[in-house]
């Protein structure tokens, strides 16, 4: 097969008219040759850090959509399913991904469970990491969220790091807000990347100290605007990533949209494309072609180098997307799950108290971090209840692996005026998390998720709607495009209930993420991430 176009040579910073000869899935020749074809041929895009599970799609369905945006590979941390099913979950992701030509590159989840302060469904210790690291299909040690363990020389954490070094595989970081001597020690332990920078200054310090910094733009955490001005000077040590991408967002765009935004800011297109296409392949030693003779024929054809509208996507010389049609087919698979709790009663969500003030989680738009605020309580019949007028709503985390009493707290900035929303996508342990205007609505939403053994739902005074997620309670077994549309409709319903957040379900899913400060709610209670201690809801 021979293709003609304007060939984009990123590393040599040149564009020339030419043709590419493809044979046996590889690039056999690249020749300069005059022709009239004005479309551009460039290496495929790589998402340098993503949890496929957060798309609510199994890998094969994720691939069907991702190739429509020119993505040919991902660096994927199967941390979410590992917290539910352990090594079995990681193996499921690898095997399902292999049903497609898409190049998934899975890591070994380093923090399962993410902390000792919540209940997960599985454990992967250093012996499990050794087992995974020995697998050539596992490319790296995934994000080391337990940075306190690194800083305090925790023996088990250090063993995991040593196994990654033994197998000569990169170690991904996760160190939000870590600065000064602390980040120096973290880097010196061998950790090479961070996708959690949320200020320019933080990103700059980490780059100057030798880290690769990833510009993250996901469905919840959006750091593009804060970090993009680092790219012109530090393009050799940066990458683009999504981290978490909900299905409706994935339908709209992927790494290609970040390229378009960066070029629109006037940043040199070759620098942008090095970040999007080249750096992840080199850092993680991926088997992904970079448009050189002898490489795998992994590339995309675009209409221009401004909008990056994808016309065709090729992987190993196979046409996997062609002007509106994904060629990747759905494949059958066995559904795995771990969901063992029983339905709850309204009384389970009552919070008896006499306190005048309470601690409240303040959710922040576009961020995974939270604030802690002190607010006046609202009492009814001796129970703390949601204060709709002041947008301080009751929330709960319900252990889905065994029967336990729900943990209760309060949160600001969800804005609901009616009903409740709930989800079994609750980072990182994926217990059920819900927020609502009253105990009845919260109970109904939680039970709807339990009934389906996983899902995201919304409850109004007159309607209930759910997107079931039967695969580990966090992914669908249905068509990716259909799930994307169903999720968009559910998101719209949450906003009709009054939510003022751009991505209410994605934000909700991170309100139990204890490794991101400050105040969060686990199934064991309200947790102050800055002091690593549980905090009473009542102040006085």
Protein backbone atom coordinates (compact mmCIF):
# COMPACT_ATOMS: atom_id res chain seq x y z
CA UNK A 1 0.00 0.00 0.00
CA UNK A 2 1.21 3.50 -0.90
CA UNK A 3 -0.18 6.72 0.62
CA UNK A 4 0.57 10.26 -0.49
CA UNK A 5 0.35 13.48 1.50
CA UNK A 6 2.20 16.23 3.27
CA UNK A 7 4.46 14.23 5.58
CA UNK A 8 5.06 15.80 9.00
CA UNK A 9 8.58 15.00 10.24
CA UNK A 10 8.27 16.17 13.85
CA UNK A 11 11.79 15.60 15.14
CA UNK A 12 13.45 17.19 12.11
CA UNK A 13 10.86 19.97 12.12
CA UNK A 14 9.97 19.76 8.44
CA UNK A 15 6.95 19.08 6.25
CA UNK A 16 7.40 17.73 2.73
CA UNK A 17 5.33 16.27 -0.09
CA UNK A 18 5.93 12.56 -0.27
CA UNK A 19 4.61 9.05 -0.24
CA UNK A 20 4.74 6.25 2.30
CA UNK A 21 5.01 2.59 1.34
CA UNK A 22 3.49 0.15 3.85
CA UNK A 23 4.30 -3.55 3.84
CA UNK A 24 3.44 -6.20 6.45
CA UNK A 25 2.22 -3.56 8.90
CA UNK A 26 5.42 -1.53 8.80
CA UNK A 27 6.70 1.49 6.94
CA UNK A 28 8.90 0.10 4.16
CA UNK A 29 9.82 3.44 2.59
CA UNK A 30 9.28 7.19 2.82
CA UNK A 31 10.13 9.18 -0.29
CA UNK A 32 9.89 12.83 -1.20
CA UNK A 33 7.68 13.06 -4.24
CA UNK A 34 5.66 15.83 -5.89
CA UNK A 35 1.89 15.29 -5.95
CA UNK A 36 -1.34 17.24 -5.52
CA UNK A 37 -2.52 15.71 -2.22
CA UNK A 38 -2.69 18.35 0.52
CA UNK A 39 -3.70 16.23 3.47
CA UNK A 40 -1.17 15.83 6.29
CA UNK A 41 0.27 12.53 7.50
CA UNK A 42 1.64 12.48 11.04
CA UNK A 43 2.26 9.97 13.85
CA UNK A 44 -0.80 8.92 15.84
CA UNK A 45 -1.67 10.56 19.14
CA UNK A 46 -0.88 8.93 22.51
CA UNK A 47 -2.71 9.60 25.78
CA UNK A 48 0.19 9.46 28.25
CA UNK A 49 -1.91 8.66 31.32
CA UNK A 50 -5.50 7.47 31.44
CA UNK A 51 -7.70 5.15 33.44
CA UNK A 52 -9.71 3.45 30.70
CA UNK A 53 -12.31 2.44 33.29
CA UNK A 54 -13.28 6.08 33.82
CA UNK A 55 -14.69 6.15 30.31
CA UNK A 56 -17.15 3.54 31.67
CA UNK A 57 -16.17 1.45 28.66
CA UNK A 58 -14.16 -1.75 28.42
CA UNK A 59 -10.91 -1.30 26.44
CA UNK A 60 -12.28 -2.64 23.15
CA UNK A 61 -15.15 -0.14 23.23
CA UNK A 62 -12.84 2.70 24.28
CA UNK A 63 -10.67 1.90 21.26
CA UNK A 64 -13.62 2.11 18.86
CA UNK A 65 -14.14 5.75 19.82
CA UNK A 66 -10.55 6.82 20.46
CA UNK A 67 -9.38 6.01 16.93
CA UNK A 68 -11.96 8.45 15.54
CA UNK A 69 -9.83 11.19 17.15
CA UNK A 70 -6.51 9.85 15.86
CA UNK A 71 -5.44 8.19 19.10
CA UNK A 72 -3.47 5.01 18.37
CA UNK A 73 -2.20 4.19 21.87
CA UNK A 74 -2.65 4.88 25.55
CA UNK A 75 -0.52 4.56 28.65
CA UNK A 76 -3.21 3.05 30.84
CA UNK A 77 -3.31 2.54 34.59
CA UNK A 78 -5.89 -0.21 35.39
CA UNK A 79 -5.93 1.03 38.97
CA UNK A 80 -9.72 1.33 39.12
CA UNK A 81 -10.59 -2.26 38.26
CA UNK A 82 -7.62 -3.47 40.32
CA UNK A 83 -9.17 -1.89 43.42
CA UNK A 84 -12.28 -3.96 42.72
CA UNK A 85 -10.85 -7.26 41.45
CA UNK A 86 -7.08 -7.19 41.98
CA UNK A 87 -4.71 -8.87 39.50
CA UNK A 88 -7.68 -10.61 37.86
CA UNK A 89 -9.01 -7.19 36.89
CA UNK A 90 -5.69 -6.12 35.37
CA UNK A 91 -5.58 -9.32 33.33
CA UNK A 92 -9.14 -8.69 32.14
CA UNK A 93 -8.13 -5.25 30.81
CA UNK A 94 -5.07 -6.62 29.02
CA UNK A 95 -6.97 -9.48 27.38
CA UNK A 96 -9.93 -7.34 26.35
CA UNK A 97 -7.60 -4.73 24.87
CA UNK A 98 -5.84 -7.41 22.81
CA UNK A 99 -9.09 -8.05 20.93
CA UNK A 100 -8.41 -4.86 18.95
CA UNK A 101 -5.42 -3.49 16.99
CA UNK A 102 -5.35 -0.47 19.32
CA UNK A 103 -2.13 -0.23 21.35
CA UNK A 104 -3.05 -0.28 25.02
CA UNK A 105 -0.03 -0.14 27.32
CA UNK A 106 -1.08 -1.15 30.81
CA UNK A 107 0.87 -0.55 34.00
CA UNK A 108 0.98 -2.39 37.31
CA UNK A 109 -1.23 -0.51 39.80
CA UNK A 110 1.04 0.48 42.67
CA UNK A 111 -1.59 1.42 45.26
CA UNK A 112 -4.25 -1.23 45.74
CA UNK A 113 -5.83 -0.29 48.03
CA UNK A 114 -4.99 3.37 47.55
CA UNK A 115 -4.89 3.95 51.31
CA UNK A 116 -5.56 2.05 54.53
CA UNK A 117 -8.32 4.53 55.36
CA UNK A 118 -10.99 3.04 53.08
CA UNK A 119 -12.35 -0.36 52.04
CA UNK A 120 -11.41 -1.70 48.61
CA UNK A 121 -12.23 -5.02 47.01
CA UNK A 122 -8.67 -6.30 46.59
CA UNK A 123 -5.01 -5.98 47.56
CA UNK A 124 -1.94 -6.00 45.32
CA UNK A 125 1.17 -6.20 47.50
CA UNK A 126 4.83 -6.14 46.45
CA UNK A 127 4.64 -9.83 45.48
CA UNK A 128 1.73 -9.00 43.19
CA UNK A 129 3.75 -6.14 41.71
CA UNK A 130 6.63 -8.54 41.07
CA UNK A 131 4.23 -10.87 39.24
CA UNK A 132 2.88 -8.06 37.10
CA UNK A 133 6.28 -6.46 36.41
CA UNK A 134 7.55 -9.81 35.09
CA UNK A 135 4.81 -9.74 32.44
CA UNK A 136 6.24 -8.13 29.26
CA UNK A 137 2.77 -6.77 28.49
CA UNK A 138 2.93 -4.61 31.64
CA UNK A 139 4.96 -1.57 30.65
CA UNK A 140 5.50 0.43 33.85
CA UNK A 141 4.73 0.86 37.56
CA UNK A 142 1.58 2.96 37.61
CA UNK A 143 1.14 6.17 39.57
CA UNK A 144 2.63 5.98 43.03
CA UNK A 145 -0.10 7.80 44.89
CA UNK A 146 1.24 6.79 48.26
CA UNK A 147 3.78 9.58 48.29
CA UNK A 148 3.76 9.63 52.13
CA UNK A 149 4.98 6.03 51.94
CA UNK A 150 7.86 7.13 49.72
CA UNK A 151 8.74 10.08 51.94
CA UNK A 152 8.58 7.94 55.10
CA UNK A 153 10.54 5.03 53.59
CA UNK A 154 7.69 2.54 53.93
CA UNK A 155 9.29 -0.88 53.26
CA UNK A 156 6.39 -2.25 51.20
CA UNK A 157 6.26 0.85 48.99
CA UNK A 158 10.02 0.75 48.47
CA UNK A 159 9.81 -2.95 47.48
CA UNK A 160 7.35 -2.05 44.72
CA UNK A 161 9.73 0.62 43.44
CA UNK A 162 12.63 -1.81 43.51
CA UNK A 163 10.74 -4.40 41.45
CA UNK A 164 10.07 -1.75 38.78
CA UNK A 165 13.78 -0.90 38.73
CA UNK A 166 14.70 -4.60 38.61
CA UNK A 167 12.61 -5.05 35.45
CA UNK A 168 13.87 -1.70 34.08
CA UNK A 169 10.42 -0.18 33.75
CA UNK A 170 9.45 3.48 34.33
CA UNK A 171 7.71 4.58 37.53
CA UNK A 172 4.80 7.00 37.30
CA UNK A 173 4.18 9.61 39.96
CA UNK A 174 1.23 11.23 41.66
CA UNK A 175 2.22 14.07 43.95
CA UNK A 176 -0.29 16.93 43.99
CA UNK A 177 1.15 20.05 45.59
CA UNK A 178 4.38 18.34 46.67
CA UNK A 179 7.21 20.89 46.61
CA UNK A 180 10.68 21.60 47.99
CA UNK A 181 12.69 18.88 49.71
CA UNK A 182 9.70 16.53 49.67
CA UNK A 183 9.41 16.45 45.88
CA UNK A 184 13.19 16.10 45.59
CA UNK A 185 13.13 12.95 47.73
CA UNK A 186 10.15 11.62 45.78
CA UNK A 187 11.98 12.10 42.46
CA UNK A 188 15.22 10.65 43.81
CA UNK A 189 13.34 7.45 44.65
CA UNK A 190 13.13 6.89 40.89
CA UNK A 191 9.73 8.37 40.10
CA UNK A 192 9.78 9.99 36.69
CA UNK A 193 6.45 11.67 35.92
CA UNK A 194 3.62 13.64 37.46
CA UNK A 195 0.19 14.41 36.04
CA UNK A 196 -1.12 16.12 39.20
CA UNK A 197 0.42 19.62 38.83
CA UNK A 198 -2.26 22.26 39.16
CA UNK A 199 -0.16 25.45 39.08
CA UNK A 200 2.49 26.77 36.71
CA UNK A 201 4.99 27.13 39.57
CA UNK A 202 4.52 23.54 40.72
CA UNK A 203 4.96 22.21 37.20
CA UNK A 204 8.06 24.33 36.64
CA UNK A 205 9.74 23.12 39.84
CA UNK A 206 9.12 19.50 38.95
CA UNK A 207 10.45 20.00 35.42
CA UNK A 208 13.56 21.75 36.72
CA UNK A 209 14.19 18.84 39.07
CA UNK A 210 14.06 16.31 36.24
CA UNK A 211 10.47 15.11 36.16
CA UNK A 212 8.34 14.70 33.07
CA UNK A 213 5.20 16.79 33.58
CA UNK A 214 1.91 15.77 31.96
CA UNK A 215 -0.65 18.39 30.98
CA UNK A 216 -3.92 16.85 32.10
CA UNK A 217 -7.27 17.79 30.64
CA UNK A 218 -9.91 15.30 31.70
CA UNK A 219 -13.61 15.40 32.45
CA UNK A 220 -13.06 16.60 36.02
CA UNK A 221 -9.48 17.82 36.47
CA UNK A 222 -8.52 20.42 33.89
CA UNK A 223 -4.96 21.76 34.12
CA UNK A 224 -4.35 22.77 30.49
CA UNK A 225 -4.74 26.50 31.10
CA UNK A 226 -2.51 26.43 34.18
CA UNK A 227 0.34 24.48 32.54
CA UNK A 228 0.29 25.13 28.78
CA UNK A 229 2.67 28.10 28.99
CA UNK A 230 5.36 25.68 30.18
CA UNK A 231 5.26 23.82 26.86
CA UNK A 232 7.24 26.20 24.56
CA UNK A 233 10.38 25.93 26.70
CA UNK A 234 9.92 22.44 28.15
CA UNK A 235 8.32 20.57 25.23
CA UNK A 236 10.96 17.84 25.33
CA UNK A 237 9.85 16.82 28.83
CA UNK A 238 6.06 17.17 28.67
CA UNK A 239 3.14 15.03 27.51
CA UNK A 240 -0.64 15.32 27.15
CA UNK A 241 -3.06 13.13 29.10
CA UNK A 242 -6.70 12.77 30.09
CA UNK A 243 -6.38 10.83 33.35
CA UNK A 244 -10.16 10.37 33.48
CA UNK A 245 -12.43 10.80 30.46
CA UNK A 246 -16.17 10.24 30.66
CA UNK A 247 -17.84 8.70 27.58
CA UNK A 248 -19.71 11.81 26.43
CA UNK A 249 -16.45 13.79 26.44
CA UNK A 250 -14.59 11.00 24.64
CA UNK A 251 -17.12 11.13 21.82
CA UNK A 252 -16.33 14.83 21.30
CA UNK A 253 -12.53 14.65 21.20
CA UNK A 254 -9.30 13.44 22.73
CA UNK A 255 -5.61 14.41 22.47
CA UNK A 256 -6.28 15.99 19.07
CA UNK A 257 -8.36 18.72 20.74
CA UNK A 258 -5.47 19.61 23.06
CA UNK A 259 -3.22 19.99 20.02
CA UNK A 260 -5.72 22.33 18.42
CA UNK A 261 -5.97 24.43 21.59
CA UNK A 262 -2.19 24.65 21.93
CA UNK A 263 -1.64 25.67 18.31
CA UNK A 264 -4.43 28.26 18.65
CA UNK A 265 -2.34 29.86 21.42
CA UNK A 266 0.48 30.36 18.92
CA UNK A 267 2.70 27.52 20.13
CA UNK A 268 4.97 25.97 17.50
CA UNK A 269 3.17 23.02 15.93
CA UNK A 270 6.25 20.78 15.97
CA UNK A 271 6.65 21.29 19.72
CA UNK A 272 2.97 20.52 20.27
CA UNK A 273 3.14 17.34 18.20
CA UNK A 274 6.29 16.18 19.97
CA UNK A 275 4.37 16.38 23.24
CA UNK A 276 1.32 14.62 21.77
CA UNK A 277 2.95 11.93 19.65
CA UNK A 278 6.65 11.42 20.35
CA UNK A 279 7.45 11.88 24.04
CA UNK A 280 5.16 9.15 25.47
CA UNK A 281 6.54 6.59 23.03
CA UNK A 282 10.13 7.37 23.96
CA UNK A 283 9.59 7.69 27.72
CA UNK A 284 7.67 4.42 28.10
CA UNK A 285 9.50 2.57 25.29
CA UNK A 286 6.24 1.81 23.54
CA UNK A 287 5.89 -0.31 20.43
CA UNK A 288 4.27 2.57 18.57
CA UNK A 289 5.49 3.88 15.23
CA UNK A 290 6.85 7.42 14.86
CA UNK A 291 6.61 7.67 11.07
CA UNK A 292 10.10 6.37 10.34
CA UNK A 293 11.22 3.62 7.98
CA UNK A 294 11.05 0.28 9.80
CA UNK A 295 8.49 1.53 12.33
CA UNK A 296 5.03 0.09 12.79
CA UNK A 297 2.68 1.90 10.42
CA UNK A 298 0.84 3.85 13.13
CA UNK A 299 -0.24 7.25 11.84
CA UNK A 300 -3.14 9.56 11.11
CA UNK A 301 -4.22 11.68 8.17
CA UNK A 302 -5.62 15.11 9.03
CA UNK A 303 -7.09 17.94 7.01
CA UNK A 304 -4.80 20.61 8.51
CA UNK A 305 -2.44 21.36 11.38
CA UNK A 306 -4.85 23.75 13.12
CA UNK A 307 -8.07 21.86 13.85
CA UNK A 308 -6.57 18.35 13.55
CA UNK A 309 -9.80 16.93 12.12
CA UNK A 310 -9.07 13.24 11.64
CA UNK A 311 -9.72 11.79 8.18
CA UNK A 312 -8.11 8.38 8.66
CA UNK A 313 -6.32 6.44 11.40
CA UNK A 314 -3.94 3.54 10.76
CA UNK A 315 -2.51 1.07 13.29
CA UNK A 316 0.05 -1.50 12.10
CA UNK A 317 -0.91 -0.50 8.57
CA UNK A 318 -4.57 -1.37 9.18
CA UNK A 319 -7.19 1.28 8.48
CA UNK A 320 -9.09 1.51 11.78
CA UNK A 321 -10.98 4.75 11.12
CA UNK A 322 -12.10 6.19 7.81
CA UNK A 323 -13.94 9.52 7.60
CA UNK A 324 -16.77 8.93 10.04
CA UNK A 325 -16.60 5.17 10.53
CA UNK A 326 -14.63 3.28 13.16
CA UNK A 327 -13.51 -0.07 11.80
CA UNK A 328 -12.94 -1.60 15.24
CA UNK A 329 -15.62 -4.17 16.01
CA UNK A 330 -17.30 -5.02 19.31
CA UNK A 331 -16.16 -8.32 20.82
CA UNK A 332 -17.94 -10.52 23.39
CA UNK A 333 -16.41 -10.87 26.85
CA UNK A 334 -17.12 -12.33 30.27
CA UNK A 335 -18.58 -9.85 32.77
CA UNK A 336 -16.71 -9.73 36.09
CA UNK A 337 -17.92 -8.01 39.25
CA UNK A 338 -17.49 -7.75 43.02
CA UNK A 339 -20.65 -6.31 44.57
CA UNK A 340 -21.91 -7.75 47.84
CA UNK A 341 -23.88 -5.18 49.84
CA UNK A 342 -27.63 -5.24 50.52
CA UNK A 343 -30.16 -2.46 50.04
CA UNK A 344 -30.30 0.26 52.68
CA UNK A 345 -33.10 1.85 54.70
CA UNK A 346 -33.87 5.58 54.96
CA UNK A 347 -32.97 5.42 58.66
CA UNK A 348 -29.41 4.41 57.70
CA UNK A 349 -28.83 7.93 56.37
CA UNK A 350 -30.07 9.85 59.40
CA UNK A 351 -27.41 11.78 61.33
CA UNK A 352 -28.39 12.52 64.93
CA UNK A 353 -26.66 15.65 66.24
CA UNK A 354 -27.00 18.83 68.26
CA UNK A 355 -24.00 20.66 66.79
CA UNK A 356 -24.34 24.32 65.79
CA UNK A 357 -21.61 24.01 63.16
CA UNK A 358 -20.32 21.27 60.87
CA UNK A 359 -17.29 20.57 58.68
CA UNK A 360 -18.17 20.72 55.00
CA UNK A 361 -16.28 19.52 51.90
CA UNK A 362 -16.11 22.30 49.32
CA UNK A 363 -15.95 20.83 45.81
CA UNK A 364 -13.98 22.94 43.32
CA UNK A 365 -14.88 23.19 39.64
CA UNK A 366 -12.28 21.50 37.44
CA UNK A 367 -10.16 20.27 40.37
CA UNK A 368 -9.74 17.06 42.33
CA UNK A 369 -8.55 18.96 45.39
CA UNK A 370 -11.17 20.26 47.83
CA UNK A 371 -11.41 22.84 50.57
CA UNK A 372 -12.69 22.43 54.12
CA UNK A 373 -15.18 25.02 55.32
CA UNK A 374 -17.10 25.44 58.56
CA UNK A 375 -20.82 26.11 58.14
CA UNK A 376 -23.90 26.48 60.29
CA UNK A 377 -25.76 23.22 60.70
CA UNK A 378 -29.41 22.67 59.82
CA UNK A 379 -31.26 20.42 62.26
CA UNK A 380 -34.67 18.79 62.01
CA UNK A 381 -36.03 16.55 64.76
CA UNK A 382 -32.51 16.22 66.15
CA UNK A 383 -30.97 15.18 62.80
CA UNK A 384 -28.53 17.00 60.55
CA UNK A 385 -30.14 17.54 57.14
CA UNK A 386 -29.27 19.12 53.80
CA UNK A 387 -29.46 22.91 53.63
CA UNK A 388 -30.68 23.45 50.08
CA UNK A 389 -30.84 27.23 50.41
CA UNK A 390 -27.13 27.44 51.30
CA UNK A 391 -26.15 24.57 48.96
CA UNK A 392 -24.81 22.37 51.76
CA UNK A 393 -26.02 18.89 50.94
CA UNK A 394 -25.75 15.56 52.71
CA UNK A 395 -23.49 13.03 51.03
CA UNK A 396 -22.75 9.40 51.76
CA UNK A 397 -20.24 6.68 50.93
CA UNK A 398 -21.61 3.14 51.17
CA UNK A 399 -19.29 0.14 51.28
CA UNK A 400 -20.26 -2.08 48.36
CA UNK A 401 -18.08 -5.05 49.27
CA UNK A 402 -19.83 -5.87 52.55
CA UNK A 403 -22.75 -4.68 54.65
CA UNK A 404 -21.79 -1.70 56.79
CA UNK A 405 -23.45 1.48 58.00
CA UNK A 406 -23.10 4.31 55.47
CA UNK A 407 -20.54 7.05 56.16
CA UNK A 408 -22.13 10.51 56.20
CA UNK A 409 -20.86 14.02 55.56
CA UNK A 410 -21.78 17.30 53.91
CA UNK A 411 -20.65 18.97 50.69
CA UNK A 412 -20.98 22.35 49.02
CA UNK A 413 -21.20 23.36 45.34
CA UNK A 414 -23.29 20.53 43.93
CA UNK A 415 -26.27 22.86 43.80
CA UNK A 416 -29.04 20.24 43.76
CA UNK A 417 -32.52 21.62 44.47
CA UNK A 418 -34.31 18.29 44.11
CA UNK A 419 -33.59 14.56 44.36
CA UNK A 420 -30.19 12.90 44.47
CA UNK A 421 -27.43 11.50 42.29
CA UNK A 422 -25.34 8.40 43.00
CA UNK A 423 -22.53 6.40 41.47
CA UNK A 424 -20.51 3.23 42.03
CA UNK A 425 -17.64 4.98 40.25
CA UNK A 426 -16.05 6.34 43.42
CA UNK A 427 -12.29 6.73 43.29
CA UNK A 428 -10.32 4.83 44.30
CA UNK A 429 -12.11 1.96 46.03
CA UNK A 430 -15.31 2.37 44.01
CA UNK A 431 -17.77 2.19 46.81
CA UNK A 432 -21.15 3.85 46.26
CA UNK A 433 -21.11 7.62 46.62
CA UNK A 434 -24.22 9.81 46.61
CA UNK A 435 -25.37 13.36 47.33
CA UNK A 436 -28.93 14.60 47.69
CA UNK A 437 -31.44 17.00 49.16
CA UNK A 438 -32.94 14.55 51.67
CA UNK A 439 -32.47 11.09 53.16
CA UNK A 440 -35.30 9.55 51.14
CA UNK A 441 -33.81 10.59 47.80
CA UNK A 442 -30.30 9.54 48.82
CA UNK A 443 -31.54 6.13 49.94
CA UNK A 444 -33.48 5.61 46.73
CA UNK A 445 -30.46 6.53 44.58
CA UNK A 446 -28.10 4.25 46.53
CA UNK A 447 -30.52 1.33 46.30
CA UNK A 448 -30.95 1.81 42.55
CA UNK A 449 -27.18 1.40 42.14
CA UNK A 450 -27.17 -1.65 44.44
CA UNK A 451 -30.08 -3.22 42.52
CA UNK A 452 -28.04 -3.06 39.28
CA UNK A 453 -24.77 -4.05 40.99
CA UNK A 454 -23.18 -0.88 39.71
CA UNK A 455 -24.13 2.23 37.79
CA UNK A 456 -24.68 5.96 37.88
CA UNK A 457 -28.13 7.36 38.49
CA UNK A 458 -30.30 10.40 39.12
CA UNK A 459 -33.50 10.56 41.15
CA UNK A 460 -36.08 13.35 40.88
CA UNK A 461 -39.48 13.69 42.53
CA UNK A 462 -41.08 12.02 39.51
CA UNK A 463 -38.38 10.11 37.64
CA UNK A 464 -35.41 7.81 38.10
CA UNK A 465 -32.74 7.15 35.51
CA UNK A 466 -29.68 4.87 35.62
CA UNK A 467 -26.80 3.87 33.35
CA UNK A 468 -25.96 0.33 34.56
CA UNK A 469 -22.25 -0.52 34.94
CA UNK A 470 -22.15 -4.29 35.49
CA UNK A 471 -18.44 -4.77 34.65
CA UNK A 472 -16.73 -4.46 38.04
CA UNK A 473 -19.45 -1.93 38.90
CA UNK A 474 -17.54 0.71 36.93
CA UNK A 475 -17.86 -0.17 33.22
CA UNK A 476 -20.67 -0.93 30.79
CA UNK A 477 -21.06 -4.05 28.69
CA UNK A 478 -22.79 -2.06 25.95
CA UNK A 479 -21.86 -0.10 22.84
CA UNK A 480 -19.58 2.86 23.59
CA UNK A 481 -21.44 5.46 21.53
CA UNK A 482 -24.79 4.45 23.06
CA UNK A 483 -23.34 4.68 26.58
CA UNK A 484 -21.90 8.08 25.76
CA UNK A 485 -25.34 9.32 24.75
CA UNK A 486 -27.02 7.73 27.79
CA UNK A 487 -24.46 9.31 30.07
CA UNK A 488 -24.95 12.73 28.45
CA UNK A 489 -28.71 12.42 29.09
CA UNK A 490 -28.06 11.51 32.72
CA UNK A 491 -25.66 14.42 33.10
CA UNK A 492 -28.36 16.72 31.71
CA UNK A 493 -30.85 15.35 34.24
CA UNK A 494 -28.45 16.08 37.11
CA UNK A 495 -28.22 19.65 35.90
CA UNK A 496 -32.00 19.88 35.65
CA UNK A 497 -32.06 18.89 39.32
CA UNK A 498 -30.00 22.02 39.93
CA UNK A 499 -26.36 20.92 39.74
CA UNK A 500 -24.18 23.85 38.75
CA UNK A 501 -21.04 21.75 38.16
CA UNK A 502 -19.75 21.23 34.65
CA UNK A 503 -19.26 17.50 35.28
CA UNK A 504 -21.30 16.57 38.37
CA UNK A 505 -20.76 12.79 38.16
CA UNK A 506 -17.03 13.05 37.55
CA UNK A 507 -16.71 15.50 40.43
CA UNK A 508 -18.82 13.23 42.66
CA UNK A 509 -16.60 10.26 41.85
CA UNK A 510 -13.54 12.06 43.29
CA UNK A 511 -15.07 13.19 46.57
CA UNK A 512 -13.90 9.95 48.18
CA UNK A 513 -10.38 10.17 46.72
CA UNK A 514 -8.31 10.34 49.89
CA UNK A 515 -4.94 10.67 48.16
CA UNK A 516 -5.98 14.14 46.92
CA UNK A 517 -6.34 16.71 49.73
CA UNK A 518 -7.98 18.27 51.61
CA UNK A 519 -11.31 17.02 53.03
CA UNK A 520 -12.88 13.84 51.56
CA UNK A 521 -15.35 11.17 52.66
CA UNK A 522 -14.47 7.47 52.67
CA UNK A 523 -16.72 4.60 53.72
CA UNK A 524 -15.04 4.92 57.14
CA UNK A 525 -15.77 8.59 57.64
CA UNK A 526 -14.71 12.18 56.95
CA UNK A 527 -10.99 12.27 56.19
CA UNK A 528 -8.60 15.21 56.44
CA UNK A 529 -5.98 14.53 53.80
CA UNK A 530 -3.59 17.22 55.00
CA UNK A 531 -3.15 15.55 58.40
CA UNK A 532 -4.05 11.96 57.38
CA UNK A 533 -6.65 11.72 60.12
CA UNK A 534 -10.39 11.22 60.41
CA UNK A 535 -12.29 14.37 61.31
CA UNK A 536 -15.66 14.64 63.10
CA UNK A 537 -18.43 16.20 61.04
CA UNK A 538 -19.63 18.17 64.06
CA UNK A 539 -17.52 21.13 65.16
CA UNK A 540 -19.30 22.08 68.37
